[in-house]
Every structure is written in C-alpha cells, then in structure tokens.
Amino acid sequence: MRVLIISILFISSRLPAQTNGLFFPAVVSTNGSILATNAEFRGFNGGRVCFLIGDSDYRVFSGSQLDPAVLSRLGTTAEKLAAAQAALDANNKRFTSEYHAAQQRIANQRISEALAIKQKAAEDKRDARAALDKRRQERESRTVIIRQPPGSGLTDNQQVGAYSP
C-alpha cells in the first residue's frame, strides 16, 4: 500500500493537475473532520483523489473518505470514483495475468532451447563416435598382415628388424 501511495505521489508530482488548479481551503471528510488545509487538487487515480499541500506534501484520499461537496466541486461523485477504481483494478488484474502469461512463455521457450541444445550435443557426440568408429574400421581394413613363408624361422606378425648390409 505504501509503495502504491508513493508511486501515485511521484506520478502526480510529475504531471500537471487535471483541472485548472482547484484550491481548497479545507478538504473535509464524510464525517465532517478536516483532512487537509490549503490543498490544491492535482488529479485522480482510479478511486483516489490527489492533493498538493504546500510546496511538496502530497496527500491521497479515497473518494469514499471525502465529503460529497468536495467531490461535487471536482465534478465527480463517490460512485464514479468507485467505478473508476474498479476499472483500474480490472486493468491491473488483466495486466498482471498478461505479464505472468508472458513470463511463462519465456520460461517455456528457454526450456525448449535448453532441450534443443542438449539434444544437439547428444547428436554431435553420436556423430563423432560414428565417425571415429568409421575411421577405425577403415584403418583396420587397410592393415595388411604379412605371413612369413614356411621355414623362414619367423612367426606370423613378428616384426623383422631393419636390414643393414
């Protein structure tokens, strides 16, 4: 709630008033108590009404807190503000659900990409192993075993040293 009020205050401090600077010597509540004095109307945010008190003090009141005469001077009613708040809440709910759906799509896409990378790595490993096996078979097919003639005194596959005269 505090973050919402701070964000409303920040936004309303950066934006010009939505009307031509309505000034209220006293902002009165529904039970007749004074909520603020010397307040300048700054704008609406859903069902809330923002006022500037002094140079930098902002106060935000819900429409149901304010006297109907104050709301009348602002050209609205508590019912209109309640409807505006309901519309704002509906927009926020829609935005939140769209945001979560987008986050889920991004997460699913990242999972798919990771699985594709893993599958590609497994295929590359399988292809490399197949290429290695093929080279091994080719090498073995080129290997020639020399059989020694009978009576030479050498056995098959025995290496013969270099000849020197």
N, C-alpha and C. Protein backbone atom coordinates (compact mmCIF):
# COMPACT_ATOMS: atom_id res chain seq x y z
N MET A 1 0.83 -1.19 0.00
CA MET A 1 0.00 0.00 0.00
C MET A 1 0.88 1.25 0.00
N ARG A 2 1.94 1.24 0.82
CA ARG A 2 2.81 2.40 0.92
C ARG A 2 3.49 2.67 -0.42
N VAL A 3 3.92 1.58 -1.12
CA VAL A 3 4.56 1.75 -2.42
C VAL A 3 3.58 2.35 -3.42
N LEU A 4 2.33 1.92 -3.36
CA LEU A 4 1.31 2.45 -4.25
C LEU A 4 1.13 3.95 -4.02
N ILE A 5 1.05 4.35 -2.78
CA ILE A 5 0.87 5.78 -2.47
C ILE A 5 2.08 6.58 -2.92
N ILE A 6 3.26 6.03 -2.69
CA ILE A 6 4.47 6.75 -3.11
C ILE A 6 4.50 6.88 -4.62
N SER A 7 4.14 5.80 -5.34
CA SER A 7 4.14 5.89 -6.80
C SER A 7 3.09 6.87 -7.29
N ILE A 8 1.93 6.90 -6.65
CA ILE A 8 0.89 7.86 -7.02
C ILE A 8 1.39 9.28 -6.79
N LEU A 9 2.03 9.47 -5.66
CA LEU A 9 2.54 10.80 -5.36
C LEU A 9 3.61 11.22 -6.36
N PHE A 10 4.49 10.29 -6.70
CA PHE A 10 5.54 10.61 -7.65
C PHE A 10 4.94 10.96 -9.01
N ILE A 11 4.01 10.15 -9.46
CA ILE A 11 3.38 10.40 -10.75
C ILE A 11 2.63 11.72 -10.73
N SER A 12 1.88 11.93 -9.68
CA SER A 12 1.09 13.17 -9.64
C SER A 12 1.97 14.39 -9.48
N SER A 13 3.17 14.24 -8.90
CA SER A 13 4.06 15.39 -8.78
C SER A 13 4.68 15.74 -10.13
N ARG A 14 4.77 14.76 -11.03
CA ARG A 14 5.37 14.99 -12.34
C ARG A 14 4.35 15.45 -13.38
N LEU A 15 3.10 15.24 -13.11
CA LEU A 15 2.06 15.60 -14.07
C LEU A 15 1.35 16.88 -13.63
N PRO A 16 0.93 17.67 -14.57
CA PRO A 16 0.15 18.84 -14.20
C PRO A 16 -1.23 18.41 -13.70
N ALA A 17 -1.88 19.30 -12.95
CA ALA A 17 -3.21 18.98 -12.43
C ALA A 17 -4.17 18.72 -13.59
N GLN A 18 -5.16 17.86 -13.33
CA GLN A 18 -6.11 17.53 -14.38
C GLN A 18 -7.17 18.62 -14.55
N THR A 19 -7.22 19.55 -13.65
CA THR A 19 -8.13 20.68 -13.78
C THR A 19 -7.31 21.95 -13.68
N ASN A 20 -7.97 23.07 -13.68
CA ASN A 20 -7.26 24.34 -13.63
C ASN A 20 -6.94 24.76 -12.21
N GLY A 21 -6.20 23.93 -11.48
CA GLY A 21 -5.70 24.27 -10.16
C GLY A 21 -6.79 24.61 -9.15
N LEU A 22 -7.72 23.72 -8.92
CA LEU A 22 -8.73 23.96 -7.89
C LEU A 22 -8.07 23.99 -6.52
N PHE A 23 -8.38 25.03 -5.78
CA PHE A 23 -7.78 25.21 -4.46
C PHE A 23 -8.86 25.02 -3.40
N PHE A 24 -8.53 24.28 -2.35
CA PHE A 24 -9.46 24.01 -1.25
C PHE A 24 -8.86 24.56 0.04
N PRO A 25 -9.52 25.53 0.67
CA PRO A 25 -9.02 26.00 1.97
C PRO A 25 -9.07 24.87 3.00
N ALA A 26 -10.06 23.96 2.85
CA ALA A 26 -10.17 22.80 3.75
C ALA A 26 -10.76 21.64 2.97
N VAL A 27 -10.11 20.47 3.08
CA VAL A 27 -10.65 19.24 2.49
C VAL A 27 -11.35 18.51 3.62
N VAL A 28 -12.66 18.32 3.46
CA VAL A 28 -13.49 17.80 4.55
C VAL A 28 -13.85 16.34 4.26
N SER A 29 -13.87 15.54 5.33
CA SER A 29 -14.24 14.13 5.20
C SER A 29 -15.76 13.97 5.30
N THR A 30 -16.23 12.75 5.09
CA THR A 30 -17.66 12.48 5.15
C THR A 30 -18.22 12.68 6.55
N ASN A 31 -17.39 12.54 7.59
CA ASN A 31 -17.88 12.75 8.96
C ASN A 31 -17.65 14.19 9.44
N GLY A 32 -17.18 15.08 8.55
CA GLY A 32 -17.04 16.49 8.89
C GLY A 32 -15.67 16.89 9.40
N SER A 33 -14.76 15.97 9.57
CA SER A 33 -13.42 16.34 10.04
C SER A 33 -12.60 16.89 8.87
N ILE A 34 -11.63 17.73 9.22
CA ILE A 34 -10.78 18.33 8.20
C ILE A 34 -9.60 17.40 7.93
N LEU A 35 -9.47 16.98 6.69
CA LEU A 35 -8.39 16.07 6.30
C LEU A 35 -7.13 16.84 5.90
N ALA A 36 -7.30 18.02 5.29
CA ALA A 36 -6.16 18.83 4.86
C ALA A 36 -6.62 20.27 4.72
N THR A 37 -5.68 21.18 4.85
CA THR A 37 -5.97 22.60 4.65
C THR A 37 -5.05 23.13 3.56
N ASN A 38 -5.52 24.19 2.89
CA ASN A 38 -4.77 24.82 1.80
C ASN A 38 -4.27 23.78 0.79
N ALA A 39 -5.20 23.02 0.26
CA ALA A 39 -4.87 21.92 -0.64
C ALA A 39 -5.23 22.28 -2.07
N GLU A 40 -4.32 21.97 -2.97
CA GLU A 40 -4.57 22.16 -4.39
C GLU A 40 -4.83 20.80 -5.02
N PHE A 41 -5.94 20.68 -5.73
CA PHE A 41 -6.28 19.43 -6.40
C PHE A 41 -5.26 19.17 -7.50
N ARG A 42 -4.71 17.92 -7.52
CA ARG A 42 -3.71 17.55 -8.53
C ARG A 42 -4.22 16.53 -9.52
N GLY A 43 -5.13 15.64 -9.11
CA GLY A 43 -5.63 14.68 -10.08
C GLY A 43 -6.29 13.47 -9.44
N PHE A 44 -6.84 12.62 -10.31
CA PHE A 44 -7.48 11.37 -9.90
C PHE A 44 -6.56 10.21 -10.27
N ASN A 45 -6.65 9.18 -9.50
CA ASN A 45 -6.00 7.91 -9.84
C ASN A 45 -6.95 6.81 -9.41
N GLY A 46 -7.73 6.33 -10.37
CA GLY A 46 -8.75 5.34 -10.04
C GLY A 46 -9.77 5.99 -9.13
N GLY A 47 -9.95 5.43 -7.95
CA GLY A 47 -10.91 5.96 -6.98
C GLY A 47 -10.27 6.89 -5.96
N ARG A 48 -9.04 7.30 -6.23
CA ARG A 48 -8.33 8.17 -5.29
C ARG A 48 -8.22 9.58 -5.84
N VAL A 49 -8.15 10.53 -4.91
CA VAL A 49 -8.03 11.94 -5.27
C VAL A 49 -6.73 12.45 -4.65
N CYS A 50 -5.89 13.10 -5.45
CA CYS A 50 -4.58 13.58 -5.01
C CYS A 50 -4.62 15.09 -4.83
N PHE A 51 -4.05 15.53 -3.71
CA PHE A 51 -3.96 16.96 -3.40
C PHE A 51 -2.52 17.32 -3.08
N LEU A 52 -2.13 18.55 -3.45
CA LEU A 52 -0.82 19.10 -3.08
C LEU A 52 -1.05 20.03 -1.90
N ILE A 53 -0.35 19.76 -0.82
CA ILE A 53 -0.44 20.60 0.38
C ILE A 53 0.90 21.33 0.50
N GLY A 54 0.88 22.64 0.42
CA GLY A 54 2.14 23.38 0.48
C GLY A 54 2.92 23.19 -0.81
N ASP A 55 4.26 23.15 -0.68
CA ASP A 55 5.11 23.04 -1.86
C ASP A 55 5.39 21.60 -2.29
N SER A 56 5.44 20.67 -1.32
CA SER A 56 5.87 19.33 -1.71
C SER A 56 5.16 18.20 -0.97
N ASP A 57 4.17 18.49 -0.19
CA ASP A 57 3.47 17.45 0.57
C ASP A 57 2.22 17.04 -0.19
N TYR A 58 2.20 15.78 -0.59
CA TYR A 58 1.04 15.26 -1.31
C TYR A 58 0.23 14.38 -0.38
N ARG A 59 -1.07 14.48 -0.52
CA ARG A 59 -1.98 13.61 0.24
C ARG A 59 -2.96 12.99 -0.74
N VAL A 60 -3.25 11.72 -0.50
CA VAL A 60 -4.15 10.97 -1.37
C VAL A 60 -5.29 10.43 -0.52
N PHE A 61 -6.50 10.66 -0.98
CA PHE A 61 -7.69 10.20 -0.25
C PHE A 61 -8.55 9.37 -1.19
N SER A 62 -9.20 8.36 -0.64
CA SER A 62 -10.16 7.62 -1.46
C SER A 62 -11.42 8.47 -1.58
N GLY A 63 -12.16 8.24 -2.65
CA GLY A 63 -13.38 9.02 -2.88
C GLY A 63 -14.39 8.85 -1.77
N SER A 64 -14.41 7.67 -1.14
CA SER A 64 -15.38 7.43 -0.06
C SER A 64 -15.04 8.20 1.21
N GLN A 65 -13.80 8.68 1.34
CA GLN A 65 -13.41 9.47 2.52
C GLN A 65 -13.85 10.92 2.42
N LEU A 66 -14.03 11.42 1.22
CA LEU A 66 -14.26 12.85 1.01
C LEU A 66 -15.75 13.19 1.05
N ASP A 67 -16.00 14.39 1.56
CA ASP A 67 -17.36 14.92 1.63
C ASP A 67 -17.92 15.07 0.22
N PRO A 68 -19.20 14.78 0.02
CA PRO A 68 -19.81 14.93 -1.30
C PRO A 68 -19.67 16.33 -1.88
N ALA A 69 -19.61 17.36 -1.05
CA ALA A 69 -19.45 18.73 -1.56
C ALA A 69 -18.07 18.90 -2.21
N VAL A 70 -17.03 18.29 -1.62
CA VAL A 70 -15.68 18.35 -2.20
C VAL A 70 -15.69 17.63 -3.55
N LEU A 71 -16.31 16.45 -3.58
CA LEU A 71 -16.36 15.69 -4.83
C LEU A 71 -17.18 16.42 -5.88
N SER A 72 -18.24 17.08 -5.46
CA SER A 72 -19.08 17.84 -6.39
C SER A 72 -18.27 18.97 -7.02
N ARG A 73 -17.47 19.64 -6.22
CA ARG A 73 -16.63 20.72 -6.75
C ARG A 73 -15.61 20.19 -7.76
N LEU A 74 -15.21 18.93 -7.58
CA LEU A 74 -14.27 18.30 -8.51
C LEU A 74 -14.99 17.72 -9.74
N GLY A 75 -16.32 17.77 -9.72
CA GLY A 75 -17.09 17.29 -10.86
C GLY A 75 -17.25 15.78 -10.89
N THR A 76 -17.25 15.17 -9.73
CA THR A 76 -17.40 13.71 -9.68
C THR A 76 -18.23 13.32 -8.46
N THR A 77 -18.44 12.04 -8.30
CA THR A 77 -19.16 11.51 -7.14
C THR A 77 -18.38 10.30 -6.62
N ALA A 78 -18.75 9.86 -5.43
CA ALA A 78 -18.11 8.69 -4.84
C ALA A 78 -18.38 7.46 -5.72
N GLU A 79 -19.55 7.38 -6.31
CA GLU A 79 -19.88 6.25 -7.18
C GLU A 79 -19.01 6.24 -8.44
N LYS A 80 -18.81 7.41 -9.04
CA LYS A 80 -17.96 7.49 -10.23
C LYS A 80 -16.53 7.09 -9.89
N LEU A 81 -16.06 7.53 -8.73
CA LEU A 81 -14.70 7.17 -8.32
C LEU A 81 -14.58 5.68 -8.03
N ALA A 82 -15.64 5.10 -7.42
CA ALA A 82 -15.63 3.66 -7.16
C ALA A 82 -15.61 2.89 -8.48
N ALA A 83 -16.36 3.37 -9.47
CA ALA A 83 -16.35 2.72 -10.79
C ALA A 83 -14.98 2.87 -11.45
N ALA A 84 -14.37 4.05 -11.30
CA ALA A 84 -13.03 4.26 -11.87
C ALA A 84 -12.02 3.34 -11.19
N GLN A 85 -12.16 3.14 -9.88
CA GLN A 85 -11.25 2.24 -9.16
C GLN A 85 -11.46 0.80 -9.62
N ALA A 86 -12.71 0.41 -9.82
CA ALA A 86 -13.00 -0.95 -10.30
C ALA A 86 -12.39 -1.16 -11.69
N ALA A 87 -12.48 -0.15 -12.55
CA ALA A 87 -11.88 -0.25 -13.89
C ALA A 87 -10.36 -0.34 -13.79
N LEU A 88 -9.77 0.44 -12.91
CA LEU A 88 -8.32 0.40 -12.71
C LEU A 88 -7.89 -0.96 -12.17
N ASP A 89 -8.64 -1.49 -11.22
CA ASP A 89 -8.33 -2.82 -10.67
C ASP A 89 -8.44 -3.89 -11.75
N ALA A 90 -9.47 -3.79 -12.60
CA ALA A 90 -9.63 -4.76 -13.68
C ALA A 90 -8.47 -4.68 -14.66
N ASN A 91 -8.04 -3.45 -14.99
CA ASN A 91 -6.89 -3.28 -15.89
C ASN A 91 -5.62 -3.84 -15.26
N ASN A 92 -5.44 -3.59 -13.96
CA ASN A 92 -4.26 -4.12 -13.27
C ASN A 92 -4.29 -5.65 -13.25
N LYS A 93 -5.45 -6.22 -13.02
CA LYS A 93 -5.58 -7.68 -13.00
C LYS A 93 -5.28 -8.25 -14.38
N ARG A 94 -5.80 -7.62 -15.42
CA ARG A 94 -5.54 -8.07 -16.79
C ARG A 94 -4.06 -7.96 -17.12
N PHE A 95 -3.46 -6.82 -16.75
CA PHE A 95 -2.04 -6.63 -17.00
C PHE A 95 -1.21 -7.68 -16.26
N THR A 96 -1.56 -7.95 -15.01
CA THR A 96 -0.82 -8.93 -14.21
C THR A 96 -0.93 -10.31 -14.83
N SER A 97 -2.12 -10.70 -15.27
CA SER A 97 -2.27 -12.02 -15.87
C SER A 97 -1.52 -12.10 -17.21
N GLU A 98 -1.54 -11.02 -18.00
CA GLU A 98 -0.79 -10.99 -19.25
C GLU A 98 0.71 -11.07 -18.98
N TYR A 99 1.16 -10.37 -17.95
CA TYR A 99 2.57 -10.38 -17.58
C TYR A 99 3.00 -11.80 -17.19
N HIS A 100 2.20 -12.46 -16.34
CA HIS A 100 2.54 -13.82 -15.91
C HIS A 100 2.50 -14.79 -17.08
N ALA A 101 1.56 -14.62 -18.00
CA ALA A 101 1.50 -15.48 -19.19
C ALA A 101 2.74 -15.28 -20.06
N ALA A 102 3.17 -14.03 -20.21
CA ALA A 102 4.38 -13.75 -20.98
C ALA A 102 5.61 -14.36 -20.31
N GLN A 103 5.68 -14.25 -18.99
CA GLN A 103 6.80 -14.85 -18.27
C GLN A 103 6.81 -16.37 -18.44
N GLN A 104 5.63 -16.98 -18.43
CA GLN A 104 5.54 -18.43 -18.63
C GLN A 104 5.98 -18.82 -20.03
N ARG A 105 5.57 -18.01 -21.04
CA ARG A 105 6.00 -18.29 -22.42
C ARG A 105 7.52 -18.20 -22.53
N ILE A 106 8.10 -17.20 -21.91
CA ILE A 106 9.56 -17.03 -21.95
C ILE A 106 10.24 -18.22 -21.28
N ALA A 107 9.72 -18.64 -20.13
CA ALA A 107 10.31 -19.79 -19.43
C ALA A 107 10.20 -21.05 -20.29
N ASN A 108 9.05 -21.27 -20.91
CA ASN A 108 8.87 -22.44 -21.78
C ASN A 108 9.82 -22.39 -22.97
N GLN A 109 10.00 -21.20 -23.53
CA GLN A 109 10.91 -21.05 -24.67
C GLN A 109 12.34 -21.37 -24.24
N ARG A 110 12.75 -20.90 -23.08
CA ARG A 110 14.11 -21.18 -22.59
C ARG A 110 14.30 -22.68 -22.33
N ILE A 111 13.28 -23.32 -21.80
CA ILE A 111 13.36 -24.76 -21.57
C ILE A 111 13.49 -25.49 -22.91
N SER A 112 12.70 -25.09 -23.89
CA SER A 112 12.76 -25.71 -25.22
C SER A 112 14.14 -25.51 -25.84
N GLU A 113 14.69 -24.30 -25.71
CA GLU A 113 16.02 -24.03 -26.26
C GLU A 113 17.08 -24.88 -25.56
N ALA A 114 16.97 -25.01 -24.24
CA ALA A 114 17.93 -25.83 -23.50
C ALA A 114 17.84 -27.29 -23.91
N LEU A 115 16.62 -27.79 -24.10
CA LEU A 115 16.45 -29.18 -24.54
C LEU A 115 17.01 -29.37 -25.95
N ALA A 116 16.81 -28.38 -26.83
CA ALA A 116 17.33 -28.48 -28.19
C ALA A 116 18.86 -28.50 -28.17
N ILE A 117 19.45 -27.68 -27.32
CA ILE A 117 20.91 -27.66 -27.20
C ILE A 117 21.42 -29.00 -26.68
N LYS A 118 20.73 -29.53 -25.69
CA LYS A 118 21.13 -30.83 -25.13
C LYS A 118 21.00 -31.93 -26.18
N GLN A 119 19.91 -31.91 -26.94
CA GLN A 119 19.70 -32.91 -27.98
C GLN A 119 20.75 -32.77 -29.07
N LYS A 120 21.08 -31.54 -29.46
CA LYS A 120 22.10 -31.30 -30.48
C LYS A 120 23.45 -31.81 -30.00
N ALA A 121 23.77 -31.60 -28.72
CA ALA A 121 25.04 -32.08 -28.17
C ALA A 121 25.09 -33.61 -28.20
N ALA A 122 23.98 -34.26 -27.89
CA ALA A 122 23.93 -35.73 -27.92
C ALA A 122 24.09 -36.23 -29.36
N GLU A 123 23.45 -35.55 -30.32
CA GLU A 123 23.60 -35.93 -31.72
C GLU A 123 25.03 -35.73 -32.20
N ASP A 124 25.66 -34.62 -31.82
CA ASP A 124 27.05 -34.36 -32.19
C ASP A 124 27.97 -35.43 -31.61
N LYS A 125 27.72 -35.82 -30.37
CA LYS A 125 28.54 -36.85 -29.73
C LYS A 125 28.36 -38.19 -30.46
N ARG A 126 27.11 -38.51 -30.80
CA ARG A 126 26.84 -39.75 -31.52
C ARG A 126 27.51 -39.72 -32.90
N ASP A 127 27.43 -38.58 -33.60
CA ASP A 127 28.06 -38.46 -34.91
C ASP A 127 29.57 -38.57 -34.81
N ALA A 128 30.16 -37.95 -33.80
CA ALA A 128 31.61 -38.02 -33.60
C ALA A 128 32.04 -39.46 -33.31
N ARG A 129 31.28 -40.15 -32.51
CA ARG A 129 31.58 -41.55 -32.19
C ARG A 129 31.46 -42.40 -33.45
N ALA A 130 30.45 -42.17 -34.27
CA ALA A 130 30.28 -42.92 -35.51
C ALA A 130 31.44 -42.65 -36.47
N ALA A 131 31.86 -41.38 -36.56
CA ALA A 131 32.99 -41.04 -37.43
C ALA A 131 34.27 -41.72 -36.94
N LEU A 132 34.47 -41.74 -35.63
CA LEU A 132 35.65 -42.40 -35.06
C LEU A 132 35.62 -43.90 -35.35
N ASP A 133 34.47 -44.53 -35.19
CA ASP A 133 34.33 -45.96 -35.49
C ASP A 133 34.59 -46.22 -36.97
N LYS A 134 34.12 -45.34 -37.84
CA LYS A 134 34.33 -45.50 -39.27
C LYS A 134 35.80 -45.40 -39.61
N ARG A 135 36.50 -44.42 -39.02
CA ARG A 135 37.95 -44.29 -39.25
C ARG A 135 38.69 -45.52 -38.75
N ARG A 136 38.28 -46.04 -37.61
CA ARG A 136 38.92 -47.23 -37.05
C ARG A 136 38.73 -48.42 -38.00
N GLN A 137 37.51 -48.57 -38.53
CA GLN A 137 37.24 -49.67 -39.47
C GLN A 137 38.05 -49.51 -40.75
N GLU A 138 38.14 -48.27 -41.25
CA GLU A 138 38.94 -48.03 -42.45
C GLU A 138 40.41 -48.35 -42.20
N ARG A 139 40.92 -47.97 -41.06
CA ARG A 139 42.32 -48.23 -40.72
C ARG A 139 42.55 -49.74 -40.62
N GLU A 140 41.60 -50.44 -39.99
CA GLU A 140 41.74 -51.89 -39.85
C GLU A 140 41.64 -52.58 -41.20
N SER A 141 40.84 -52.04 -42.10
CA SER A 141 40.71 -52.66 -43.42
C SER A 141 41.97 -52.44 -44.26
N ARG A 142 42.75 -51.42 -43.98
CA ARG A 142 43.99 -51.17 -44.71
C ARG A 142 45.18 -51.91 -44.11
N THR A 143 45.05 -52.42 -42.91
CA THR A 143 46.15 -53.11 -42.26
C THR A 143 46.40 -54.44 -42.96
N VAL A 144 47.62 -54.67 -43.34
CA VAL A 144 47.98 -55.88 -44.06
C VAL A 144 48.81 -56.76 -43.12
N ILE A 145 48.41 -57.97 -42.97
CA ILE A 145 49.18 -58.92 -42.16
C ILE A 145 50.04 -59.73 -43.12
N ILE A 146 51.30 -59.66 -42.93
CA ILE A 146 52.24 -60.40 -43.79
C ILE A 146 52.51 -61.76 -43.15
N ARG A 147 52.28 -62.79 -43.93
CA ARG A 147 52.55 -64.14 -43.46
C ARG A 147 53.96 -64.51 -43.93
N GLN A 148 54.69 -65.07 -43.02
CA GLN A 148 56.06 -65.49 -43.34
C GLN A 148 56.03 -66.84 -44.08
N PRO A 149 56.90 -66.95 -45.02
CA PRO A 149 56.94 -68.23 -45.72
C PRO A 149 57.38 -69.35 -44.77
N PRO A 150 56.92 -70.54 -45.01
CA PRO A 150 57.28 -71.63 -44.14
C PRO A 150 58.80 -71.84 -44.15
N GLY A 151 59.34 -72.13 -42.99
CA GLY A 151 60.76 -72.43 -42.84
C GLY A 151 61.62 -71.20 -42.73
N SER A 152 61.01 -70.00 -42.63
CA SER A 152 61.81 -68.79 -42.51
C SER A 152 62.27 -68.58 -41.08
N GLY A 153 61.68 -69.30 -40.15
CA GLY A 153 62.05 -69.17 -38.75
C GLY A 153 61.31 -68.05 -38.05
N LEU A 154 60.49 -67.27 -38.77
CA LEU A 154 59.73 -66.19 -38.15
C LEU A 154 58.28 -66.63 -38.02
N THR A 155 57.64 -66.16 -36.97
CA THR A 155 56.23 -66.46 -36.80
C THR A 155 55.41 -65.34 -37.41
N ASP A 156 54.15 -65.61 -37.64
CA ASP A 156 53.27 -64.58 -38.20
C ASP A 156 53.25 -63.35 -37.28
N ASN A 157 53.15 -62.19 -37.87
CA ASN A 157 53.05 -60.91 -37.19
C ASN A 157 54.29 -60.57 -36.35
N GLN A 158 55.39 -61.29 -36.52
CA GLN A 158 56.61 -60.98 -35.79
C GLN A 158 57.35 -59.91 -36.57
N GLN A 159 57.81 -58.90 -35.87
CA GLN A 159 58.49 -57.82 -36.57
C GLN A 159 59.90 -58.21 -36.92
N VAL A 160 60.31 -57.76 -38.05
CA VAL A 160 61.67 -58.04 -38.52
C VAL A 160 62.46 -56.75 -38.40
N GLY A 161 63.63 -56.81 -37.88
CA GLY A 161 64.45 -55.61 -37.71
C GLY A 161 64.90 -55.06 -39.06
N ALA A 162 65.47 -53.89 -39.03
CA ALA A 162 65.94 -53.24 -40.24
C ALA A 162 67.13 -54.02 -40.83
N TYR A 163 67.16 -54.00 -42.11
CA TYR A 163 68.25 -54.69 -42.80
C TYR A 163 69.44 -53.76 -42.90
N SER A 164 70.57 -54.25 -42.52
CA SER A 164 71.77 -53.45 -42.68
C SER A 164 72.85 -54.33 -43.33
N PRO A 165 73.49 -53.88 -44.36
CA PRO A 165 74.47 -54.70 -45.07
C PRO A 165 75.75 -54.88 -44.30
